[in-house]
C-alpha atoms as a PDB file:
ATOM      1  CA  UNK A   1      21.874  15.684   0.763  1.00  0.00           C
ATOM      2  CA  UNK A   2      21.007  19.713  -0.797  1.00  0.00           C
ATOM      3  CA  UNK A   3      20.008  22.784   1.200  1.00  0.00           C
ATOM      4  CA  UNK A   4      18.198  23.951  -1.625  1.00  0.00           C
ATOM      5  CA  UNK A   5      14.418  23.179  -1.326  1.00  0.00           C
ATOM      6  CA  UNK A   6      12.053  21.644  -3.463  1.00  0.00           C
ATOM      7  CA  UNK A   7       9.335  23.385  -4.910  1.00  0.00           C
ATOM      8  CA  UNK A   8       6.097  23.413  -2.512  1.00  0.00           C
ATOM      9  CA  UNK A   9       8.353  21.563   0.187  1.00  0.00           C
ATOM     10  CA  UNK A  10       9.266  25.095   1.649  1.00  0.00           C
ATOM     11  CA  UNK A  11       5.701  26.323   1.947  1.00  0.00           C
ATOM     12  CA  UNK A  12       4.762  22.954   3.354  1.00  0.00           C
ATOM     13  CA  UNK A  13       7.359  23.018   6.528  1.00  0.00           C
ATOM     14  CA  UNK A  14       6.776  27.124   6.441  1.00  0.00           C
ATOM     15  CA  UNK A  15       2.943  25.537   7.815  1.00  0.00           C
ATOM     16  CA  UNK A  16       3.819  24.396  11.159  1.00  0.00           C
ATOM     17  CA  UNK A  17       6.069  25.571  14.219  1.00  0.00           C
ATOM     18  CA  UNK A  18       8.558  22.687  14.281  1.00  0.00           C
ATOM     19  CA  UNK A  19       8.728  22.709  10.163  1.00  0.00           C
ATOM     20  CA  UNK A  20       9.431  26.436  10.406  1.00  0.00           C
ATOM     21  CA  UNK A  21      12.284  25.754  12.969  1.00  0.00           C
ATOM     22  CA  UNK A  22      13.971  23.409  10.512  1.00  0.00           C
ATOM     23  CA  UNK A  23      13.988  26.389   7.756  1.00  0.00           C
ATOM     24  CA  UNK A  24      15.767  28.166  10.008  1.00  0.00           C
ATOM     25  CA  UNK A  25      17.866  25.897  10.975  1.00  0.00           C
ATOM     26  CA  UNK A  26      19.262  25.342   7.175  1.00  0.00           C
ATOM     27  CA  UNK A  27      17.576  21.759   6.903  1.00  0.00           C
ATOM     28  CA  UNK A  28      19.224  19.161   4.509  1.00  0.00           C
ATOM     29  CA  UNK A  29      16.772  17.407   1.909  1.00  0.00           C
ATOM     30  CA  UNK A  30      16.786  14.750  -0.078  1.00  0.00           C
ATOM     31  CA  UNK A  31      14.228  12.754  -2.150  1.00  0.00           C
ATOM     32  CA  UNK A  32      12.983   9.720  -1.230  1.00  0.00           C
ATOM     33  CA  UNK A  33      11.166   7.187  -3.437  1.00  0.00           C
ATOM     34  CA  UNK A  34       7.044   8.408  -3.977  1.00  0.00           C
ATOM     35  CA  UNK A  35       4.175   6.890  -5.738  1.00  0.00           C
ATOM     36  CA  UNK A  36       2.857   8.655  -9.029  1.00  0.00           C
ATOM     37  CA  UNK A  37       0.844  11.468  -7.420  1.00  0.00           C
ATOM     38  CA  UNK A  38       3.152  11.637  -4.206  1.00  0.00           C
ATOM     39  CA  UNK A  39       6.326  13.629  -3.570  1.00  0.00           C
ATOM     40  CA  UNK A  40       8.813  12.544  -0.587  1.00  0.00           C
ATOM     41  CA  UNK A  41      11.439  14.156   1.243  1.00  0.00           C
ATOM     42  CA  UNK A  42      14.025  13.544   3.641  1.00  0.00           C
ATOM     43  CA  UNK A  43      14.539  16.420   5.845  1.00  0.00           C
ATOM     44  CA  UNK A  44      17.181  16.872   8.418  1.00  0.00           C
ATOM     45  CA  UNK A  45      18.367  19.094  10.871  1.00  0.00           C
ATOM     46  CA  UNK A  46      19.907  19.437  14.031  1.00  0.00           C
ATOM     47  CA  UNK A  47      16.656  19.283  15.826  1.00  0.00           C
ATOM     48  CA  UNK A  48      15.116  16.174  13.684  1.00  0.00           C
ATOM     49  CA  UNK A  49      15.259  13.709  10.840  1.00  0.00           C
ATOM     50  CA  UNK A  50      11.884  13.429   8.891  1.00  0.00           C
ATOM     51  CA  UNK A  51      10.328  11.807   5.990  1.00  0.00           C
ATOM     52  CA  UNK A  52       7.981  14.493   4.542  1.00  0.00           C
ATOM     53  CA  UNK A  53       5.292  13.711   2.244  1.00  0.00           C
ATOM     54  CA  UNK A  54       3.418  15.881   0.011  1.00  0.00           C
ATOM     55  CA  UNK A  55       0.189  14.466  -1.693  1.00  0.00           C
ATOM     56  CA  UNK A  56      -3.421  14.951  -2.354  1.00  0.00           C
ATOM     57  CA  UNK A  57      -3.836  16.267  -6.040  1.00  0.00           C
ATOM     58  CA  UNK A  58      -5.278  12.766  -7.041  1.00  0.00           C
ATOM     59  CA  UNK A  59      -6.846  11.684  -3.828  1.00  0.00           C
ATOM     60  CA  UNK A  60     -10.795  11.478  -5.287  1.00  0.00           C
ATOM     61  CA  UNK A  61      -9.850   9.646  -8.200  1.00  0.00           C
ATOM     62  CA  UNK A  62      -7.896   6.735  -5.658  1.00  0.00           C
ATOM     63  CA  UNK A  63     -10.710   6.789  -2.841  1.00  0.00           C
ATOM     64  CA  UNK A  64      -7.992   8.438  -0.621  1.00  0.00           C
ATOM     65  CA  UNK A  65      -9.314   9.814   2.748  1.00  0.00           C
ATOM     66  CA  UNK A  66      -6.253  11.670   4.279  1.00  0.00           C
ATOM     67  CA  UNK A  67      -8.019  12.072   7.820  1.00  0.00           C
ATOM     68  CA  UNK A  68      -8.704   8.113   7.781  1.00  0.00           C
ATOM     69  CA  UNK A  69      -4.826   7.736   6.619  1.00  0.00           C
ATOM     70  CA  UNK A  70      -3.909  10.079   9.529  1.00  0.00           C
ATOM     71  CA  UNK A  71      -5.829   7.984  11.924  1.00  0.00           C
ATOM     72  CA  UNK A  72      -4.909   4.460  11.034  1.00  0.00           C
ATOM     73  CA  UNK A  73      -1.076   5.936  10.956  1.00  0.00           C
ATOM     74  CA  UNK A  74      -1.447   6.806  14.454  1.00  0.00           C
ATOM     75  CA  UNK A  75      -2.981   3.379  15.227  1.00  0.00           C
ATOM     76  CA  UNK A  76       0.022   1.312  13.594  1.00  0.00           C
ATOM     77  CA  UNK A  77       2.779   3.752  14.888  1.00  0.00           C
ATOM     78  CA  UNK A  78       1.358   3.486  18.337  1.00  0.00           C
ATOM     79  CA  UNK A  79       1.907  -0.138  18.025  1.00  0.00           C
ATOM     80  CA  UNK A  80       5.153  -0.268  16.564  1.00  0.00           C
ATOM     81  CA  UNK A  81       4.558  -0.768  13.106  1.00  0.00           C
ATOM     82  CA  UNK A  82       4.879   2.940  11.327  1.00  0.00           C
ATOM     83  CA  UNK A  83       7.056   5.527  11.962  1.00  0.00           C
ATOM     84  CA  UNK A  84       5.640   8.338  14.753  1.00  0.00           C
ATOM     85  CA  UNK A  85       3.609  11.213  13.646  1.00  0.00           C
ATOM     86  CA  UNK A  86       5.268  14.813  14.034  1.00  0.00           C
ATOM     87  CA  UNK A  87       3.024  16.480  11.592  1.00  0.00           C
ATOM     88  CA  UNK A  88       0.116  15.971   9.670  1.00  0.00           C
ATOM     89  CA  UNK A  89      -2.611  18.327   7.807  1.00  0.00           C
ATOM     90  CA  UNK A  90      -4.668  16.181   5.772  1.00  0.00           C
ATOM     91  CA  UNK A  91      -6.579  18.694   4.230  1.00  0.00           C
ATOM     92  CA  UNK A  92      -3.476  19.616   2.178  1.00  0.00           C
ATOM     93  CA  UNK A  93      -1.806  16.405   2.017  1.00  0.00           C
ATOM     94  CA  UNK A  94       0.914  16.688   3.829  1.00  0.00           C
ATOM     95  CA  UNK A  95       2.242  14.063   6.085  1.00  0.00           C
ATOM     96  CA  UNK A  96       5.618  14.387   8.376  1.00  0.00           C
ATOM     97  CA  UNK A  97       7.003  11.711  10.459  1.00  0.00           C
ATOM     98  CA  UNK A  98       9.987  10.335  11.776  1.00  0.00           C
ATOM     99  CA  UNK A  99      12.551   9.181   9.231  1.00  0.00           C
ATOM    100  CA  UNK A 100      13.207   5.348   9.816  1.00  0.00           C
ATOM    101  CA  UNK A 101      16.862   4.070   9.854  1.00  0.00           C
ATOM    102  CA  UNK A 102      17.153   1.105   7.797  1.00  0.00           C
ATOM    103  CA  UNK A 103      16.932  -0.326   4.199  1.00  0.00           C
ATOM    104  CA  UNK A 104      14.241  -1.188   1.875  1.00  0.00           C
ATOM    105  CA  UNK A 105      14.258  -4.475   0.462  1.00  0.00           C
ATOM    106  CA  UNK A 106      14.255  -5.089  -3.388  1.00  0.00           C
ATOM    107  CA  UNK A 107      11.333  -6.842  -5.428  1.00  0.00           C
ATOM    108  CA  UNK A 108      13.593  -9.904  -5.442  1.00  0.00           C
ATOM    109  CA  UNK A 109      14.635 -10.011  -1.915  1.00  0.00           C
ATOM    110  CA  UNK A 110      11.103  -9.770  -0.592  1.00  0.00           C
ATOM    111  CA  UNK A 111      10.229 -12.718  -3.055  1.00  0.00           C
ATOM    112  CA  UNK A 112      12.793 -14.759  -1.734  1.00  0.00           C
ATOM    113  CA  UNK A 113      11.928 -17.397   1.247  1.00  0.00           C
ATOM    114  CA  UNK A 114      13.529 -15.558   3.681  1.00  0.00           C
ATOM    115  CA  UNK A 115      11.496 -12.184   3.128  1.00  0.00           C
ATOM    116  CA  UNK A 116       8.696 -13.869   2.375  1.00  0.00           C
ATOM    117  CA  UNK A 117       9.150 -15.414   6.156  1.00  0.00           C
ATOM    118  CA  UNK A 118       9.867 -12.631   7.650  1.00  0.00           C
ATOM    119  CA  UNK A 119       7.087 -10.532   5.902  1.00  0.00           C
ATOM    120  CA  UNK A 120       4.419 -13.216   6.679  1.00  0.00           C
ATOM    121  CA  UNK A 121       5.438 -13.450  10.465  1.00  0.00           C
ATOM    122  CA  UNK A 122       5.695  -9.400  10.860  1.00  0.00           C
ATOM    123  CA  UNK A 123       1.897  -9.351   9.154  1.00  0.00           C
ATOM    124  CA  UNK A 124       0.801 -12.251  11.347  1.00  0.00           C
ATOM    125  CA  UNK A 125       1.919  -9.802  14.420  1.00  0.00           C
ATOM    126  CA  UNK A 126      -0.061  -6.797  12.708  1.00  0.00           C
ATOM    127  CA  UNK A 127      -3.270  -8.791  12.079  1.00  0.00           C
ATOM    128  CA  UNK A 128      -2.993 -10.158  15.909  1.00  0.00           C
ATOM    129  CA  UNK A 129      -3.242  -6.454  17.409  1.00  0.00           C
ATOM    130  CA  UNK A 130      -6.612  -5.926  18.965  1.00  0.00           C
ATOM    131  CA  UNK A 131      -8.794  -3.771  16.573  1.00  0.00           C
ATOM    132  CA  UNK A 132      -8.383  -0.331  17.063  1.00  0.00           C
ATOM    133  CA  UNK A 133     -11.106   2.280  17.739  1.00  0.00           C
ATOM    134  CA  UNK A 134     -11.595   5.340  15.428  1.00  0.00           C
ATOM    135  CA  UNK A 135     -10.050   3.886  12.252  1.00  0.00           C
ATOM    136  CA  UNK A 136     -11.973   3.467   9.227  1.00  0.00           C
ATOM    137  CA  UNK A 137     -13.578   0.137   8.187  1.00  0.00           C
ATOM    138  CA  UNK A 138     -12.556  -1.021   4.841  1.00  0.00           C
ATOM    139  CA  UNK A 139     -15.019  -3.044   2.815  1.00  0.00           C
ATOM    140  CA  UNK A 140     -13.478  -5.076  -0.253  1.00  0.00           C
ATOM    141  CA  UNK A 141     -17.041  -4.466  -2.248  1.00  0.00           C
ATOM    142  CA  UNK A 142     -16.741  -0.439  -1.766  1.00  0.00           C
ATOM    143  CA  UNK A 143     -13.265  -0.079  -2.769  1.00  0.00           C
ATOM    144  CA  UNK A 144     -13.609  -2.527  -6.378  1.00  0.00           C
ATOM    145  CA  UNK A 145     -17.048  -0.661  -6.800  1.00  0.00           C
ATOM    146  CA  UNK A 146     -15.292   2.973  -6.358  1.00  0.00           C
ATOM    147  CA  UNK A 147     -12.812   1.584  -9.403  1.00  0.00           C
ATOM    148  CA  UNK A 148     -15.002   0.224 -11.629  1.00  0.00           C
ATOM    149  CA  UNK A 149     -16.603   3.466 -11.552  1.00  0.00           C
ATOM    150  CA  UNK A 150     -13.909   5.533 -12.657  1.00  0.00           C
ATOM    151  CA  UNK A 151     -14.081   6.868 -16.031  1.00  0.00           C
ATOM    152  CA  UNK A 152     -11.446   5.140 -18.450  1.00  0.00           C
ATOM    153  CA  UNK A 153      -8.925   7.941 -19.764  1.00  0.00           C
ATOM    154  CA  UNK A 154      -6.910   5.703 -21.464  1.00  0.00           C
ATOM    155  CA  UNK A 155      -7.761   1.687 -22.698  1.00  0.00           C
ATOM    156  CA  UNK A 156      -5.539  -0.365 -20.641  1.00  0.00           C
ATOM    157  CA  UNK A 157      -4.795  -3.992 -22.350  1.00  0.00           C
ATOM    158  CA  UNK A 158      -7.648  -5.467 -20.046  1.00  0.00           C
ATOM    159  CA  UNK A 159     -11.518  -4.836 -20.636  1.00  0.00           C
ATOM    160  CA  UNK A 160     -13.850  -3.607 -18.312  1.00  0.00           C
ATOM    161  CA  UNK A 161     -16.030  -6.198 -19.416  1.00  0.00           C
ATOM    162  CA  UNK A 162     -13.205  -9.055 -18.555  1.00  0.00           C
ATOM    163  CA  UNK A 163     -12.158  -7.554 -15.278  1.00  0.00           C
ATOM    164  CA  UNK A 164     -16.126  -7.439 -14.429  1.00  0.00           C
ATOM    165  CA  UNK A 165     -16.724 -10.931 -15.713  1.00  0.00           C
ATOM    166  CA  UNK A 166     -13.660 -12.191 -12.968  1.00  0.00           C
ATOM    167  CA  UNK A 167     -14.597  -9.918 -10.457  1.00  0.00           C
ATOM    168  CA  UNK A 168     -18.349 -11.764 -10.540  1.00  0.00           C
ATOM    169  CA  UNK A 169     -16.365 -15.083  -9.937  1.00  0.00           C
ATOM    170  CA  UNK A 170     -14.129 -13.940  -7.787  1.00  0.00           C
ATOM    171  CA  UNK A 171     -16.680 -12.695  -4.973  1.00  0.00           C
ATOM    172  CA  UNK A 172     -19.791 -14.764  -5.581  1.00  0.00           C
ATOM    173  CA  UNK A 173     -19.130 -16.642  -2.506  1.00  0.00           C
ATOM    174  CA  UNK A 174     -16.699 -13.890  -0.699  1.00  0.00           C
ATOM    175  CA  UNK A 175     -17.113 -13.823   2.546  1.00  0.00           C
ATOM    176  CA  UNK A 176     -14.741 -11.683   4.819  1.00  0.00           C
ATOM    177  CA  UNK A 177     -12.404 -12.654   7.313  1.00  0.00           C
ATOM    178  CA  UNK A 178     -12.369 -11.400  10.883  1.00  0.00           C
ATOM    179  CA  UNK A 179     -11.535  -7.383  10.455  1.00  0.00           C
ATOM    180  CA  UNK A 180      -8.186  -6.896  11.590  1.00  0.00           C
ATOM    181  CA  UNK A 181      -5.749  -3.876  11.285  1.00  0.00           C
ATOM    182  CA  UNK A 182      -4.337  -3.969   7.593  1.00  0.00           C
ATOM    183  CA  UNK A 183      -2.258  -2.122   5.665  1.00  0.00           C
ATOM    184  CA  UNK A 184      -3.902  -2.968   2.177  1.00  0.00           C
ATOM    185  CA  UNK A 185      -0.350  -1.849   0.128  1.00  0.00           C
ATOM    186  CA  UNK A 186       2.196  -3.972   1.016  1.00  0.00           C
ATOM    187  CA  UNK A 187       4.856  -4.152  -1.975  1.00  0.00           C
ATOM    188  CA  UNK A 188       8.630  -3.738  -1.121  1.00  0.00           C
ATOM    189  CA  UNK A 189       8.668  -0.091  -1.186  1.00  0.00           C
ATOM    190  CA  UNK A 190       6.623   0.115   1.655  1.00  0.00           C
ATOM    191  CA  UNK A 191       8.734  -1.968   3.705  1.00  0.00           C
ATOM    192  CA  UNK A 192      11.639  -0.359   5.846  1.00  0.00           C
ATOM    193  CA  UNK A 193      13.958  -3.468   7.598  1.00  0.00           C
ATOM    194  CA  UNK A 194      15.487  -1.869  10.568  1.00  0.00           C
ATOM    195  CA  UNK A 195      15.580  -3.334  14.459  1.00  0.00           C
ATOM    196  CA  UNK A 196      12.195  -4.494  13.257  1.00  0.00           C
ATOM    197  CA  UNK A 197      10.147  -4.484   9.748  1.00  0.00           C
ATOM    198  CA  UNK A 198       8.110  -1.526   9.736  1.00  0.00           C
ATOM    199  CA  UNK A 199       5.319  -0.509   6.995  1.00  0.00           C
ATOM    200  CA  UNK A 200       5.007   2.985   5.681  1.00  0.00           C
ATOM    201  CA  UNK A 201       2.936   4.746   3.097  1.00  0.00           C
ATOM    202  CA  UNK A 202      -0.511   3.795   4.837  1.00  0.00           C
ATOM    203  CA  UNK A 203      -2.902   5.987   2.694  1.00  0.00           C
ATOM    204  CA  UNK A 204      -4.678   2.891   1.780  1.00  0.00           C
ATOM    205  CA  UNK A 205      -4.819   1.327   5.183  1.00  0.00           C
ATOM    206  CA  UNK A 206      -7.917   0.420   7.651  1.00  0.00           C
ATOM    207  CA  UNK A 207      -9.813  -2.210   9.625  1.00  0.00           C
ATOM    208  CA  UNK A 208     -10.124  -4.779   6.859  1.00  0.00           C
ATOM    209  CA  UNK A 209      -9.602  -8.655   5.644  1.00  0.00           C
ATOM    210  CA  UNK A 210      -6.381 -10.062   6.163  1.00  0.00           C
ATOM    211  CA  UNK A 211      -7.184 -11.995   3.312  1.00  0.00           C
ATOM    212  CA  UNK A 212      -7.147  -9.060   0.882  1.00  0.00           C
ATOM    213  CA  UNK A 213      -3.889  -8.043   2.544  1.00  0.00           C
ATOM    214  CA  UNK A 214      -1.987 -11.795   1.675  1.00  0.00           C
ATOM    215  CA  UNK A 215      -3.700 -11.434  -1.732  1.00  0.00           C
ATOM    216  CA  UNK A 216      -2.003  -7.979  -2.334  1.00  0.00           C
ATOM    217  CA  UNK A 217       1.422  -8.909  -1.758  1.00  0.00           C
ATOM    218  CA  UNK A 218       0.903 -12.163  -3.827  1.00  0.00           C
ATOM    219  CA  UNK A 219      -0.453 -10.105  -6.699  1.00  0.00           C
ATOM    220  CA  UNK A 220       2.429  -7.154  -6.610  1.00  0.00           C
ATOM    221  CA  UNK A 221       5.325  -9.796  -6.218  1.00  0.00           C
ATOM    222  CA  UNK A 222       3.746 -12.201  -8.948  1.00  0.00           C
ATOM    223  CA  UNK A 223       4.103 -15.400  -6.315  1.00  0.00           C
ATOM    224  CA  UNK A 224       4.098 -18.510  -7.545  1.00  0.00           C
ATOM    225  CA  UNK A 225       2.082 -21.150  -5.855  1.00  0.00           C
ATOM    226  CA  UNK A 226       5.258 -22.348  -3.681  1.00  0.00           C
ATOM    227  CA  UNK A 227       6.237 -19.081  -2.501  1.00  0.00           C
ATOM    228  CA  UNK A 228       2.412 -18.333  -1.669  1.00  0.00           C
ATOM    229  CA  UNK A 229       2.310 -21.283   0.193  1.00  0.00           C
ATOM    230  CA  UNK A 230       5.553 -19.928   2.499  1.00  0.00           C
ATOM    231  CA  UNK A 231       3.966 -16.735   2.756  1.00  0.00           C
ATOM    232  CA  UNK A 232       0.788 -18.172   4.275  1.00  0.00           C
ATOM    233  CA  UNK A 233       2.207 -20.127   6.497  1.00  0.00           C
ATOM    234  CA  UNK A 234       4.135 -17.541   7.902  1.00  0.00           C
ATOM    235  CA  UNK A 235       0.960 -15.853   8.541  1.00  0.00           C
ATOM    236  CA  UNK A 236      -0.611 -18.792  10.103  1.00  0.00           C
ATOM    237  CA  UNK A 237      -1.922 -21.100   7.583  1.00  0.00           C
ATOM    238  CA  UNK A 238      -5.144 -19.835   8.258  1.00  0.00           C
ATOM    239  CA  UNK A 239      -7.076 -19.633   4.742  1.00  0.00           C
ATOM    240  CA  UNK A 240      -8.154 -22.425   2.324  1.00  0.00           C
ATOM    241  CA  UNK A 241      -6.797 -22.856  -0.899  1.00  0.00           C
ATOM    242  CA  UNK A 242      -9.871 -21.783  -2.559  1.00  0.00           C
ATOM    243  CA  UNK A 243     -10.143 -18.560  -0.522  1.00  0.00           C
ATOM    244  CA  UNK A 244      -6.765 -17.519  -1.394  1.00  0.00           C
ATOM    245  CA  UNK A 245      -7.413 -17.947  -5.167  1.00  0.00           C
ATOM    246  CA  UNK A 246     -10.505 -16.254  -5.305  1.00  0.00           C
ATOM    247  CA  UNK A 247      -9.436 -13.017  -3.441  1.00  0.00           C
ATOM    248  CA  UNK A 248      -5.793 -12.909  -4.959  1.00  0.00           C
ATOM    249  CA  UNK A 249      -7.739 -12.829  -8.308  1.00  0.00           C
ATOM    250  CA  UNK A 250      -9.724  -9.944  -6.975  1.00  0.00           C
ATOM    251  CA  UNK A 251      -7.061  -8.055  -6.005  1.00  0.00           C
ATOM    252  CA  UNK A 252      -5.495  -8.162  -9.691  1.00  0.00           C
ATOM    253  CA  UNK A 253      -8.606  -6.818 -10.945  1.00  0.00           C
ATOM    254  CA  UNK A 254      -8.376  -4.243  -8.333  1.00  0.00           C
ATOM    255  CA  UNK A 255      -4.656  -3.406  -9.560  1.00  0.00           C
ATOM    256  CA  UNK A 256      -5.326  -3.756 -12.686  1.00  0.00           C
ATOM    257  CA  UNK A 257      -8.380  -0.918 -12.156  1.00  0.00           C
ATOM    258  CA  UNK A 258      -5.781   1.159 -10.061  1.00  0.00           C
ATOM    259  CA  UNK A 259      -3.339   1.058 -13.341  1.00  0.00           C
ATOM    260  CA  UNK A 260      -6.567   2.194 -15.588  1.00  0.00           C
ATOM    261  CA  UNK A 261      -7.159   4.892 -12.949  1.00  0.00           C
ATOM    262  CA  UNK A 262      -3.369   6.326 -12.513  1.00  0.00           C
ATOM    263  CA  UNK A 263      -2.749   5.762 -16.418  1.00  0.00           C
ATOM    264  CA  UNK A 264       0.187   3.443 -15.077  1.00  0.00           C
ATOM    265  CA  UNK A 265       0.164   0.260 -17.192  1.00  0.00           C
ATOM    266  CA  UNK A 266       3.353   1.643 -19.381  1.00  0.00           C
ATOM    267  CA  UNK A 267       5.030   2.174 -16.221  1.00  0.00           C
ATOM    268  CA  UNK A 268       4.814  -1.484 -15.034  1.00  0.00           C
ATOM    269  CA  UNK A 269       8.048  -3.349 -15.578  1.00  0.00           C
ATOM    270  CA  UNK A 270       7.351  -5.384 -18.604  1.00  0.00           C
ATOM    271  CA  UNK A 271       7.643  -8.702 -16.599  1.00  0.00           C
ATOM    272  CA  UNK A 272       4.667  -7.869 -14.289  1.00  0.00           C
ATOM    273  CA  UNK A 273       2.271  -6.277 -16.643  1.00  0.00           C
ATOM    274  CA  UNK A 274       2.262  -9.264 -18.850  1.00  0.00           C
ATOM    275  CA  UNK A 275       2.316 -11.379 -15.873  1.00  0.00           C
ATOM    276  CA  UNK A 276      -1.106  -9.289 -14.576  1.00  0.00           C
ATOM    277  CA  UNK A 277      -2.217  -9.729 -18.084  1.00  0.00           C
ATOM    278  CA  UNK A 278      -1.685 -13.449 -18.135  1.00  0.00           C
ATOM    279  CA  UNK A 279      -3.449 -14.075 -15.216  1.00  0.00           C
ATOM    280  CA  UNK A 280      -6.353 -11.998 -15.522  1.00  0.00           C
ATOM    281  CA  UNK A 281      -6.540 -13.669 -19.212  1.00  0.00           C
ATOM    282  CA  UNK A 282      -7.712 -17.199 -17.824  1.00  0.00           C
ATOM    283  CA  UNK A 283     -11.157 -17.664 -17.552  1.00  0.00           C
ATOM    284  CA  UNK A 284     -11.605 -19.189 -13.788  1.00  0.00           C
ATOM    285  CA  UNK A 285     -15.021 -20.757 -14.589  1.00  0.00           C
ATOM    286  CA  UNK A 286     -13.745 -22.707 -17.585  1.00  0.00           C
ATOM    287  CA  UNK A 287     -10.788 -23.830 -14.776  1.00  0.00           C
ATOM    288  CA  UNK A 288     -13.289 -25.219 -12.391  1.00  0.00           C
ATOM    289  CA  UNK A 289     -15.880 -26.907 -14.579  1.00  0.00           C
END
């Protein structure tokens, strides 16, 4: 760890009383993994051990509402699925939480049978919670529409024409499941294993469709049919195969649109990029004739 604070972190800590205490105590700082537009740090001092997230620069493009994020994170923390909030300033994108002691699985660990079972079972617990009041409702159609409306700054490997065609097929008969508390962005970097499995980075969370949540896990981890079946069984096995297939394709479309908005195709590992492009190249209308 370093006592030298990165640019922006010192002013963020100085903006609230406990943060000023951390500065006065000579807090040690270490960078944590973050997204393309977010920066996260571990801040440790005699009075606390925190994860500090600085964000906000690209919120409009990605449809992120920091007030809603704070509300859903607080609900998840109260239920034991997210770290407790120390301080939040939604207007500036600052979020300070307790640092979770544990380990982050790598992608292959989460794709393995034991990882998928554990994740599916923990997700079943999250989805079984009473729907919290005061937490935003997320609509799959509205989320997709937002990304479809974003300007294409750099052409990706999948055209908007293809994405639109795939979405029309996937959503033609879509009926959302019973709304539950969802994280909606559960890839391996947002999971911490400790005395229990915790989920971090709730900026896309809300009350929504559990099928969409599961489809995101399938898409992020390129799960084959056997792995997909294992995850769904651990979650409770309540979805039909065609429902799952349709939503997985819709999520792949959303992932491609997000990568367009983030200009993130080149940052995606080649194997994952090729798998996503290959899945979207398949015309479902031809397969189901």
